[in-house]
Protein backbone atom coordinates (compact mmCIF):
# COMPACT_ATOMS: atom_id res chain seq x y z
CA MET A 1 50.46 13.15 -11.36
CA ASP A 2 50.35 9.42 -10.81
CA ALA A 3 49.97 7.31 -7.71
CA ALA A 4 52.76 5.29 -6.17
CA ARG A 5 52.36 2.47 -3.69
CA LEU A 6 52.80 3.13 0.01
CA ARG A 7 54.52 -0.06 1.18
CA ARG A 8 56.36 0.39 4.47
CA ASP A 9 54.44 -0.63 7.59
CA VAL A 10 55.90 2.34 9.48
CA ASP A 11 54.52 4.79 6.91
CA ILE A 12 51.11 3.11 6.85
CA ALA A 13 50.90 3.13 10.65
CA ALA A 14 51.86 6.82 10.75
CA VAL A 15 49.13 7.72 8.27
CA TRP A 16 46.55 5.64 10.13
CA SER A 17 47.37 7.18 13.51
CA GLU A 18 48.02 10.80 12.48
CA GLY A 19 46.09 11.27 9.25
CA MET A 20 42.81 13.06 8.70
CA LYS A 21 39.76 10.85 8.22
CA ILE A 22 37.27 10.70 5.41
CA GLN A 23 34.43 8.21 5.74
CA HIS A 24 32.54 6.88 2.75
CA ALA A 25 30.04 4.08 2.25
CA MET A 26 32.56 2.11 0.17
CA PHE A 27 35.78 2.84 2.04
CA ALA A 28 37.43 4.48 5.01
CA LEU A 29 40.29 6.78 4.09
CA ARG A 30 43.04 8.46 6.08
CA ALA A 31 45.63 10.80 4.65
CA ARG A 32 48.47 13.06 5.66
CA PRO A 33 51.01 15.20 3.80
CA ASN A 34 54.25 13.40 3.00
CA GLY A 35 56.55 16.24 1.92
CA LEU A 36 57.08 14.63 -1.49
CA ASP A 37 55.77 15.51 -4.95
CA GLU A 38 53.82 12.27 -5.28
CA ILE A 39 50.71 10.68 -3.87
CA ARG A 40 51.32 7.27 -2.32
CA ILE A 41 48.47 4.82 -1.67
CA ALA A 42 48.04 1.72 0.48
CA ILE A 43 44.82 -0.28 0.26
CA GLY A 44 43.61 -2.85 2.74
CA ALA A 45 40.68 -5.21 2.77
CA PRO A 46 39.55 -6.89 6.00
CA ARG A 47 38.61 -10.56 6.10
CA SER A 48 34.99 -9.56 6.60
CA LEU A 49 34.91 -8.78 2.85
CA GLY A 50 35.15 -12.48 2.06
CA ARG A 51 37.74 -14.92 0.82
CA ALA A 52 41.10 -13.90 -0.64
CA VAL A 53 39.72 -13.67 -4.19
CA GLU A 54 37.07 -11.13 -3.16
CA ARG A 55 39.51 -9.13 -1.02
CA ASN A 56 42.10 -8.97 -3.79
CA ARG A 57 39.47 -7.96 -6.37
CA SER A 58 38.23 -5.21 -4.06
CA ARG A 59 41.79 -3.90 -3.58
CA ARG A 60 42.49 -3.93 -7.33
CA ARG A 61 39.24 -2.12 -8.13
CA LEU A 62 39.84 0.56 -5.50
CA ARG A 63 43.47 1.02 -6.54
CA GLU A 64 42.50 1.57 -10.16
CA ALA A 65 39.63 3.93 -9.26
CA PHE A 66 41.98 6.07 -7.18
CA ARG A 67 44.72 6.00 -9.83
CA ALA A 68 42.24 7.27 -12.40
CA ALA A 69 41.04 9.97 -10.00
CA ILE A 70 44.61 11.04 -9.15
CA ARG A 71 45.47 11.46 -12.83
CA GLY A 72 42.78 14.15 -12.94
CA LEU A 73 44.30 16.16 -10.09
CA SER A 74 46.44 19.19 -10.75
CA ARG A 75 50.05 19.07 -9.63
CA GLY A 76 50.37 19.89 -5.96
CA PRO A 77 51.93 18.76 -2.72
CA GLY A 78 52.03 15.03 -2.16
CA PHE A 79 50.34 13.03 0.54
CA ASP A 80 50.04 9.46 1.73
CA ILE A 81 46.66 7.75 1.68
CA VAL A 82 45.55 4.57 3.44
CA ILE A 83 42.23 3.16 2.22
CA VAL A 84 40.29 0.32 3.82
CA ALA A 85 37.65 -1.29 1.62
CA ARG A 86 34.11 -1.88 2.82
CA PRO A 87 31.72 -4.61 1.58
CA GLN A 88 29.92 -2.26 -0.87
CA VAL A 89 33.05 -2.16 -3.06
CA ALA A 90 32.46 -5.71 -4.31
CA SER A 91 29.03 -4.97 -5.78
CA ALA A 92 29.56 -1.36 -6.93
CA ALA A 93 29.94 -0.45 -10.58
CA PHE A 94 33.40 0.83 -11.50
CA GLY A 95 31.99 4.22 -12.50
CA GLU A 96 30.49 4.55 -9.05
CA LEU A 97 33.84 3.66 -7.46
CA ARG A 98 35.64 6.23 -9.58
CA THR A 99 33.10 8.93 -8.71
CA SER A 100 33.51 8.12 -5.03
CA ALA A 101 37.30 8.30 -5.38
CA VAL A 102 37.12 11.70 -7.12
CA THR A 103 34.78 13.04 -4.44
CA ALA A 104 37.02 11.79 -1.63
CA LEU A 105 40.18 13.22 -3.24
CA ASP A 106 38.52 16.60 -3.85
CA SER A 107 37.47 16.72 -0.23
CA LEU A 108 40.95 15.69 0.86
CA VAL A 109 42.70 18.34 -1.24
CA ARG A 110 40.36 21.05 0.08
CA ARG A 111 40.96 19.97 3.69
CA LEU A 112 44.73 19.79 3.26
CA ALA A 113 44.77 23.25 1.64
CA THR A 114 43.06 24.78 4.67
CA ALA A 115 45.13 22.84 7.23
């Protein structure tokens, strides 16, 4: 399973308003089932993270960490994820980001299975 990009503002707003929350030191995450066979991701970075270079780097690092974590998931129902980066992303090692992404996705899959 691979991750696709969640691009439409309507879809992102729906996930943000209706999705379940997972808080982490490096990111805030909201997700909801999408009825598809794929996981779609949107990543945001507020201006408080710094200039455009830092925000873009944080988004790229988070996107790749979640893509790597999603590849490790077994095939299952799809869901949409909206992730908002926090300042700790910029200074974290990539291994730490990937571990955080795996932990968040495991928690998400468990919560969606019981919902």
